[in-house]
């Protein structure tokens, strides 16, 4: 297991570089004639949209339902991790 000091030194994920890398790999696969599974693309797009846009959407829904966004349940609903997971699951099914 890593110590707290080692965990604090972990570099944050660079979303822009990750996105560019995914697009590059998909483009290379398309040019090579490799079939692309649309479910994976939908899951990637859903996860990205869920993590970015989903939190604001859920904040509006929490406000409409009267759920305190700063509370435990509101924090769970507006979490980027939760919204990314929901978006990925929805993108995979579509």
N, C-alpha and C. Protein backbone atom coordinates (compact mmCIF):
# COMPACT_ATOMS: atom_id res chain seq x y z
N UNK A 1 0.83 -1.18 0.00
CA UNK A 1 0.00 0.00 0.00
C UNK A 1 0.88 1.24 0.00
N UNK A 2 0.34 2.29 -0.62
CA UNK A 2 1.07 3.56 -0.65
C UNK A 2 0.79 4.35 0.62
N UNK A 3 1.80 5.08 1.04
CA UNK A 3 1.61 5.95 2.20
C UNK A 3 0.85 7.20 1.77
N UNK A 4 0.38 7.98 2.73
CA UNK A 4 -0.34 9.22 2.43
C UNK A 4 0.57 10.19 1.67
N UNK A 5 1.85 10.19 2.01
CA UNK A 5 2.79 11.09 1.34
C UNK A 5 2.94 10.70 -0.13
N UNK A 6 3.04 9.39 -0.40
CA UNK A 6 3.15 8.93 -1.78
C UNK A 6 1.87 9.23 -2.57
N UNK A 7 0.73 9.09 -1.92
CA UNK A 7 -0.54 9.37 -2.59
C UNK A 7 -0.70 10.85 -2.91
N UNK A 8 -0.16 11.70 -2.06
CA UNK A 8 -0.26 13.14 -2.27
C UNK A 8 0.60 13.59 -3.44
N UNK A 9 1.62 12.80 -3.79
CA UNK A 9 2.53 13.16 -4.87
C UNK A 9 2.05 12.68 -6.23
N UNK A 10 0.94 11.99 -6.30
CA UNK A 10 0.41 11.49 -7.57
C UNK A 10 -0.04 12.66 -8.42
N UNK A 11 0.33 12.63 -9.69
CA UNK A 11 -0.03 13.70 -10.61
C UNK A 11 -1.49 13.55 -11.02
N UNK A 12 -2.21 14.67 -11.16
CA UNK A 12 -3.61 14.59 -11.62
C UNK A 12 -3.67 14.15 -13.08
N UNK A 13 -4.81 13.62 -13.46
CA UNK A 13 -5.02 13.16 -14.82
C UNK A 13 -5.20 14.37 -15.73
N UNK A 14 -4.50 14.38 -16.84
CA UNK A 14 -4.64 15.43 -17.83
C UNK A 14 -5.72 15.00 -18.81
N UNK A 15 -6.95 15.51 -18.63
CA UNK A 15 -8.08 15.08 -19.44
C UNK A 15 -7.90 15.39 -20.91
N UNK A 16 -7.32 16.55 -21.22
CA UNK A 16 -7.13 16.94 -22.62
C UNK A 16 -6.19 15.97 -23.33
N UNK A 17 -5.10 15.59 -22.67
CA UNK A 17 -4.14 14.65 -23.28
C UNK A 17 -4.78 13.27 -23.44
N UNK A 18 -5.56 12.86 -22.46
CA UNK A 18 -6.24 11.56 -22.54
C UNK A 18 -7.23 11.55 -23.69
N UNK A 19 -8.01 12.63 -23.82
CA UNK A 19 -8.98 12.75 -24.91
C UNK A 19 -8.26 12.71 -26.26
N UNK A 20 -7.18 13.48 -26.40
CA UNK A 20 -6.43 13.50 -27.65
C UNK A 20 -5.86 12.12 -27.99
N UNK A 21 -5.40 11.40 -26.98
CA UNK A 21 -4.86 10.06 -27.19
C UNK A 21 -5.94 9.10 -27.66
N UNK A 22 -7.13 9.19 -27.07
CA UNK A 22 -8.24 8.32 -27.48
C UNK A 22 -8.63 8.60 -28.93
N UNK A 23 -8.76 9.89 -29.27
CA UNK A 23 -9.12 10.27 -30.64
C UNK A 23 -8.07 9.79 -31.63
N UNK A 24 -6.79 9.92 -31.27
CA UNK A 24 -5.71 9.48 -32.15
C UNK A 24 -5.78 7.97 -32.38
N UNK A 25 -6.00 7.20 -31.31
CA UNK A 25 -6.06 5.75 -31.45
C UNK A 25 -7.27 5.32 -32.28
N UNK A 26 -8.40 5.99 -32.11
CA UNK A 26 -9.59 5.66 -32.89
C UNK A 26 -9.36 5.99 -34.37
N UNK A 27 -8.72 7.12 -34.64
CA UNK A 27 -8.42 7.52 -36.01
C UNK A 27 -7.48 6.52 -36.67
N UNK A 28 -6.44 6.11 -35.94
CA UNK A 28 -5.49 5.12 -36.47
C UNK A 28 -6.19 3.80 -36.77
N UNK A 29 -7.07 3.37 -35.87
CA UNK A 29 -7.80 2.11 -36.07
C UNK A 29 -8.72 2.22 -37.29
N UNK A 30 -9.36 3.36 -37.46
CA UNK A 30 -10.26 3.56 -38.60
C UNK A 30 -9.47 3.52 -39.90
N UNK A 31 -8.31 4.18 -39.93
CA UNK A 31 -7.48 4.20 -41.13
C UNK A 31 -6.92 2.82 -41.45
N UNK A 32 -6.70 2.00 -40.43
CA UNK A 32 -6.17 0.65 -40.63
C UNK A 32 -7.27 -0.33 -41.02
N UNK A 33 -8.53 0.12 -41.01
CA UNK A 33 -9.64 -0.75 -41.38
C UNK A 33 -10.13 -1.64 -40.26
N UNK A 34 -9.74 -1.36 -39.05
CA UNK A 34 -10.17 -2.14 -37.90
C UNK A 34 -11.60 -1.74 -37.55
N UNK A 35 -12.51 -2.71 -37.43
CA UNK A 35 -13.89 -2.33 -37.05
C UNK A 35 -13.92 -1.76 -35.63
N UNK A 36 -14.71 -0.72 -35.47
CA UNK A 36 -14.80 -0.04 -34.18
C UNK A 36 -16.14 -0.36 -33.55
N UNK A 37 -16.13 -0.79 -32.31
CA UNK A 37 -17.35 -1.12 -31.58
C UNK A 37 -18.00 0.18 -31.11
N UNK A 38 -19.18 0.47 -31.61
CA UNK A 38 -19.85 1.71 -31.26
C UNK A 38 -20.23 1.78 -29.78
N UNK A 39 -20.42 0.62 -29.15
CA UNK A 39 -20.75 0.61 -27.73
C UNK A 39 -19.62 1.20 -26.89
N UNK A 40 -18.41 0.91 -27.28
CA UNK A 40 -17.26 1.47 -26.56
C UNK A 40 -17.19 2.97 -26.78
N UNK A 41 -17.42 3.41 -28.02
CA UNK A 41 -17.40 4.84 -28.30
C UNK A 41 -18.51 5.56 -27.53
N UNK A 42 -19.69 4.95 -27.49
CA UNK A 42 -20.80 5.54 -26.74
C UNK A 42 -20.49 5.61 -25.25
N UNK A 43 -19.84 4.57 -24.74
CA UNK A 43 -19.48 4.55 -23.32
C UNK A 43 -18.45 5.62 -23.00
N UNK A 44 -17.48 5.80 -23.90
CA UNK A 44 -16.47 6.83 -23.69
C UNK A 44 -17.12 8.21 -23.72
N UNK A 45 -17.94 8.44 -24.75
CA UNK A 45 -18.62 9.74 -24.86
C UNK A 45 -19.55 9.98 -23.68
N UNK A 46 -20.29 8.95 -23.28
CA UNK A 46 -21.20 9.08 -22.14
C UNK A 46 -20.46 9.35 -20.85
N UNK A 47 -19.34 8.69 -20.65
CA UNK A 47 -18.55 8.92 -19.45
C UNK A 47 -18.00 10.33 -19.38
N UNK A 48 -17.49 10.81 -20.51
CA UNK A 48 -16.94 12.17 -20.55
C UNK A 48 -18.05 13.20 -20.33
N UNK A 49 -19.16 13.03 -21.03
CA UNK A 49 -20.28 13.97 -20.86
C UNK A 49 -20.87 13.90 -19.46
N UNK A 50 -20.99 12.70 -18.93
CA UNK A 50 -21.52 12.56 -17.58
C UNK A 50 -20.66 13.24 -16.54
N UNK A 51 -19.35 13.11 -16.69
CA UNK A 51 -18.43 13.71 -15.72
C UNK A 51 -18.36 15.23 -15.86
N UNK A 52 -18.57 15.74 -17.06
CA UNK A 52 -18.45 17.18 -17.26
C UNK A 52 -19.78 17.91 -17.13
N UNK A 53 -20.77 17.47 -17.88
CA UNK A 53 -22.06 18.17 -17.91
C UNK A 53 -23.02 17.62 -16.86
N UNK A 54 -22.86 16.36 -16.54
CA UNK A 54 -23.80 15.69 -15.63
C UNK A 54 -23.90 16.31 -14.25
N UNK A 55 -22.80 16.84 -13.74
CA UNK A 55 -22.83 17.41 -12.40
C UNK A 55 -23.74 18.63 -12.34
N UNK A 56 -23.66 19.49 -13.35
CA UNK A 56 -24.53 20.68 -13.38
C UNK A 56 -25.99 20.28 -13.57
N UNK A 57 -26.23 19.29 -14.39
CA UNK A 57 -27.58 18.80 -14.60
C UNK A 57 -28.16 18.24 -13.30
N UNK A 58 -27.36 17.46 -12.59
CA UNK A 58 -27.85 16.88 -11.34
C UNK A 58 -28.03 17.94 -10.25
N UNK A 59 -27.22 18.99 -10.28
CA UNK A 59 -27.42 20.08 -9.32
C UNK A 59 -28.79 20.72 -9.55
N UNK A 60 -29.17 20.90 -10.80
CA UNK A 60 -30.48 21.47 -11.12
C UNK A 60 -31.59 20.52 -10.69
N UNK A 61 -31.41 19.24 -10.89
CA UNK A 61 -32.42 18.26 -10.48
C UNK A 61 -32.53 18.22 -8.96
N UNK A 62 -31.39 18.26 -8.27
CA UNK A 62 -31.42 18.28 -6.79
C UNK A 62 -32.15 19.52 -6.29
N UNK A 63 -31.91 20.65 -6.91
CA UNK A 63 -32.57 21.89 -6.51
C UNK A 63 -34.08 21.77 -6.72
N UNK A 64 -34.49 21.20 -7.85
CA UNK A 64 -35.92 21.03 -8.13
C UNK A 64 -36.58 20.07 -7.15
N UNK A 65 -35.84 19.06 -6.72
CA UNK A 65 -36.40 18.07 -5.78
C UNK A 65 -36.25 18.49 -4.32
N UNK A 66 -35.52 19.57 -4.09
CA UNK A 66 -35.33 20.04 -2.72
C UNK A 66 -34.23 19.32 -1.97
N UNK A 67 -33.34 18.66 -2.69
CA UNK A 67 -32.22 17.95 -2.07
C UNK A 67 -31.06 18.93 -1.90
N UNK A 68 -30.49 18.98 -0.70
CA UNK A 68 -29.35 19.86 -0.44
C UNK A 68 -28.12 19.34 -1.18
N UNK A 69 -27.60 20.12 -2.12
CA UNK A 69 -26.46 19.71 -2.93
C UNK A 69 -25.22 19.50 -2.07
N UNK A 70 -25.09 20.23 -0.99
CA UNK A 70 -23.92 20.12 -0.12
C UNK A 70 -24.05 18.97 0.88
N UNK A 71 -25.23 18.37 0.96
CA UNK A 71 -25.45 17.25 1.88
C UNK A 71 -24.86 15.96 1.32
N UNK A 72 -24.98 14.90 2.08
CA UNK A 72 -24.41 13.61 1.69
C UNK A 72 -25.04 13.08 0.41
N UNK A 73 -26.36 13.07 0.34
CA UNK A 73 -27.05 12.54 -0.83
C UNK A 73 -26.81 13.43 -2.06
N UNK A 74 -26.86 14.74 -1.86
CA UNK A 74 -26.60 15.67 -2.95
C UNK A 74 -25.18 15.56 -3.48
N UNK A 75 -24.23 15.39 -2.57
CA UNK A 75 -22.83 15.22 -2.98
C UNK A 75 -22.65 13.94 -3.79
N UNK A 76 -23.36 12.90 -3.38
CA UNK A 76 -23.29 11.64 -4.12
C UNK A 76 -23.87 11.80 -5.52
N UNK A 77 -25.03 12.43 -5.61
CA UNK A 77 -25.69 12.59 -6.90
C UNK A 77 -24.91 13.49 -7.86
N UNK A 78 -24.22 14.49 -7.35
CA UNK A 78 -23.50 15.42 -8.21
C UNK A 78 -22.02 15.06 -8.37
N UNK A 79 -21.61 13.94 -7.83
CA UNK A 79 -20.22 13.50 -7.93
C UNK A 79 -19.84 13.21 -9.38
N UNK A 80 -18.65 13.64 -9.78
CA UNK A 80 -18.17 13.37 -11.14
C UNK A 80 -17.99 11.88 -11.36
N UNK A 81 -17.59 11.17 -10.32
CA UNK A 81 -17.41 9.73 -10.44
C UNK A 81 -18.74 9.04 -10.72
N UNK A 82 -19.76 9.41 -9.96
CA UNK A 82 -21.08 8.80 -10.15
C UNK A 82 -21.65 9.17 -11.52
N UNK A 83 -21.57 10.45 -11.87
CA UNK A 83 -22.12 10.88 -13.15
C UNK A 83 -21.34 10.29 -14.33
N UNK A 84 -20.05 10.15 -14.18
CA UNK A 84 -19.25 9.50 -15.23
C UNK A 84 -19.64 8.04 -15.39
N UNK A 85 -19.90 7.36 -14.28
CA UNK A 85 -20.31 5.96 -14.32
C UNK A 85 -21.69 5.81 -14.95
N UNK A 86 -22.60 6.69 -14.57
CA UNK A 86 -23.95 6.66 -15.14
C UNK A 86 -23.88 6.93 -16.65
N UNK A 87 -23.11 7.95 -17.04
CA UNK A 87 -22.97 8.27 -18.45
C UNK A 87 -22.35 7.12 -19.23
N UNK A 88 -21.36 6.45 -18.64
CA UNK A 88 -20.73 5.30 -19.31
C UNK A 88 -21.72 4.17 -19.49
N UNK A 89 -22.50 3.88 -18.46
CA UNK A 89 -23.49 2.81 -18.55
C UNK A 89 -24.55 3.14 -19.60
N UNK A 90 -25.00 4.37 -19.63
CA UNK A 90 -26.00 4.77 -20.63
C UNK A 90 -25.41 4.75 -22.03
N UNK A 91 -24.19 5.21 -22.19
CA UNK A 91 -23.55 5.20 -23.50
C UNK A 91 -23.30 3.80 -24.01
N UNK A 92 -23.01 2.87 -23.11
CA UNK A 92 -22.76 1.48 -23.49
C UNK A 92 -24.05 0.84 -24.00
N UNK A 93 -25.18 1.17 -23.38
CA UNK A 93 -26.47 0.58 -23.76
C UNK A 93 -27.00 1.16 -25.06
N UNK A 94 -26.68 2.44 -25.32
CA UNK A 94 -27.19 3.06 -26.55
C UNK A 94 -26.35 2.60 -27.69
